[in-house]
C-alpha atoms as a PDB file:
ATOM      1  CA  MET A   1       2.030  11.892   3.365  1.00  0.00           C
ATOM      2  CA  LYS A   2       0.641   9.729   5.720  1.00  0.00           C
ATOM      3  CA  LEU A   3       0.062   6.092   5.399  1.00  0.00           C
ATOM      4  CA  GLU A   4      -4.205   7.454   5.628  1.00  0.00           C
ATOM      5  CA  ASP A   5      -3.524  10.253   2.597  1.00  0.00           C
ATOM      6  CA  TYR A   6      -3.611   7.459   0.275  1.00  0.00           C
ATOM      7  CA  LYS A   7      -6.687   4.523  -0.604  1.00  0.00           C
ATOM      8  CA  THR A   8      -5.420   0.594  -0.803  1.00  0.00           C
ATOM      9  CA  VAL A   9      -6.808  -1.465  -2.512  1.00  0.00           C
ATOM     10  CA  LEU A  10      -6.883  -5.536  -0.840  1.00  0.00           C
ATOM     11  CA  TYR A  11      -8.301  -8.690  -2.608  1.00  0.00           C
ATOM     12  CA  ARG A  12      -8.471 -12.358  -1.854  1.00  0.00           C
ATOM     13  CA  GLN A  13      -6.653 -14.390  -4.315  1.00  0.00           C
ATOM     14  CA  GLU A  14      -7.331 -17.055  -6.500  1.00  0.00           C
ATOM     15  CA  ASP A  15      -4.887 -19.668  -3.484  1.00  0.00           C
ATOM     16  CA  GLY A  16      -6.697 -17.320  -0.771  1.00  0.00           C
ATOM     17  CA  SER A  17      -3.986 -14.936   0.343  1.00  0.00           C
ATOM     18  CA  TRP A  18      -4.256 -11.860   0.480  1.00  0.00           C
ATOM     19  CA  VAL A  19      -3.172  -9.007  -1.306  1.00  0.00           C
ATOM     20  CA  ALA A  20      -2.915  -5.008   0.290  1.00  0.00           C
ATOM     21  CA  GLU A  21      -1.629  -2.649  -1.626  1.00  0.00           C
ATOM     22  CA  ILE A  22      -1.447   1.422  -2.208  1.00  0.00           C
ATOM     23  CA  PRO A  23      -1.247   2.511  -6.659  1.00  0.00           C
ATOM     24  CA  ALA A  24       0.162   5.335  -5.764  1.00  0.00           C
ATOM     25  CA  VAL A  25       3.475   4.692  -4.403  1.00  0.00           C
ATOM     26  CA  SER A  26       5.112   1.930  -6.796  1.00  0.00           C
ATOM     27  CA  GLY A  27       6.231  -1.319  -5.032  1.00  0.00           C
ATOM     28  CA  CYS A  28       3.599  -0.421  -1.235  1.00  0.00           C
ATOM     29  CA  TYR A  29       2.656  -3.235  -1.207  1.00  0.00           C
ATOM     30  CA  ALA A  30       1.421  -6.683   0.671  1.00  0.00           C
ATOM     31  CA  LEU A  31       1.338 -10.896   0.180  1.00  0.00           C
ATOM     32  CA  MET A  32       0.031 -12.548   3.628  1.00  0.00           C
ATOM     33  CA  PRO A  33      -2.666 -15.454   4.213  1.00  0.00           C
ATOM     34  CA  THR A  34      -4.811 -13.223   6.017  1.00  0.00           C
ATOM     35  CA  ARG A  35      -6.895 -10.239   5.236  1.00  0.00           C
ATOM     36  CA  GLU A  36      -5.262  -8.823   8.693  1.00  0.00           C
ATOM     37  CA  GLY A  37      -2.642  -9.932   7.824  1.00  0.00           C
ATOM     38  CA  ALA A  38      -1.937  -8.159   5.008  1.00  0.00           C
ATOM     39  CA  LEU A  39      -2.830  -4.473   6.397  1.00  0.00           C
ATOM     40  CA  ALA A  40      -0.714  -4.684   8.774  1.00  0.00           C
ATOM     41  CA  GLU A  41       2.366  -5.684   6.884  1.00  0.00           C
ATOM     42  CA  LEU A  42       1.134  -3.311   4.828  1.00  0.00           C
ATOM     43  CA  THR A  43       1.314  -0.367   7.472  1.00  0.00           C
ATOM     44  CA  LYS A  44       5.340  -1.472   7.807  1.00  0.00           C
ATOM     45  CA  VAL A  45       5.542  -1.368   4.081  1.00  0.00           C
ATOM     46  CA  PHE A  46       5.024   1.794   3.757  1.00  0.00           C
ATOM     47  CA  GLU A  47       6.764   2.811   6.723  1.00  0.00           C
ATOM     48  CA  MET A  48       9.880   1.519   4.798  1.00  0.00           C
ATOM     49  CA  ILE A  49       8.878   3.385   1.431  1.00  0.00           C
ATOM     50  CA  ALA A  50       8.484   7.008   3.497  1.00  0.00           C
ATOM     51  CA  GLU A  51      11.537   6.798   5.357  1.00  0.00           C
ATOM     52  CA  GLU A  52      13.568   6.129   1.763  1.00  0.00           C
ATOM     53  CA  TYR A  53      12.401   9.106   0.193  1.00  0.00           C
ATOM     54  CA  ARG A  54      12.736  11.044   3.749  1.00  0.00           C
ATOM     55  CA  GLU A  55      16.231  10.058   3.200  1.00  0.00           C
ATOM     56  CA  LYS A  56      16.850  11.172  -0.466  1.00  0.00           C
ATOM     57  CA  GLY A  57      15.180  14.055   0.589  1.00  0.00           C
ATOM     58  CA  ILE A  58      11.846  13.510  -2.038  1.00  0.00           C
ATOM     59  CA  PRO A  59       8.223  13.830  -1.383  1.00  0.00           C
ATOM     60  CA  LEU A  60       6.006  10.607  -1.395  1.00  0.00           C
ATOM     61  CA  PRO A  61       4.018  10.286  -4.244  1.00  0.00           C
ATOM     62  CA  ALA A  62       0.073  12.062  -4.228  1.00  0.00           C
ATOM     63  CA  ASP A  63      -2.513   9.561  -4.841  1.00  0.00           C
ATOM     64  CA  THR A  64      -4.231  10.680  -7.840  1.00  0.00           C
ATOM     65  CA  THR A  65      -6.247   6.882  -7.600  1.00  0.00           C
ATOM     66  CA  GLU A  66     -10.284   6.897  -8.442  1.00  0.00           C
ATOM     67  CA  ILE A  67     -12.299   4.529  -7.514  1.00  0.00           C
ATOM     68  CA  VAL A  68     -14.372   3.891 -10.316  1.00  0.00           C
ATOM     69  CA  HIS A  69     -17.332   0.569 -11.188  1.00  0.00           C
ATOM     70  CA  ALA A  70     -16.990   0.162 -14.843  1.00  0.00           C
END
């Protein structure tokens, strides 16, 4: 699976920093001062996690994230 196969959640914290995360992949998140920085760092984090999964010979989890406006 590739980064594009997953939903990315992006939100701003009270201090103005940005969080980007892929909820379907445990530990796959980035916290940076800018939106663009958080997305760029998330790409790096995703690649590191994907490499770990490849080395272990296990597939990345499927994305079961739903978008709900509650």
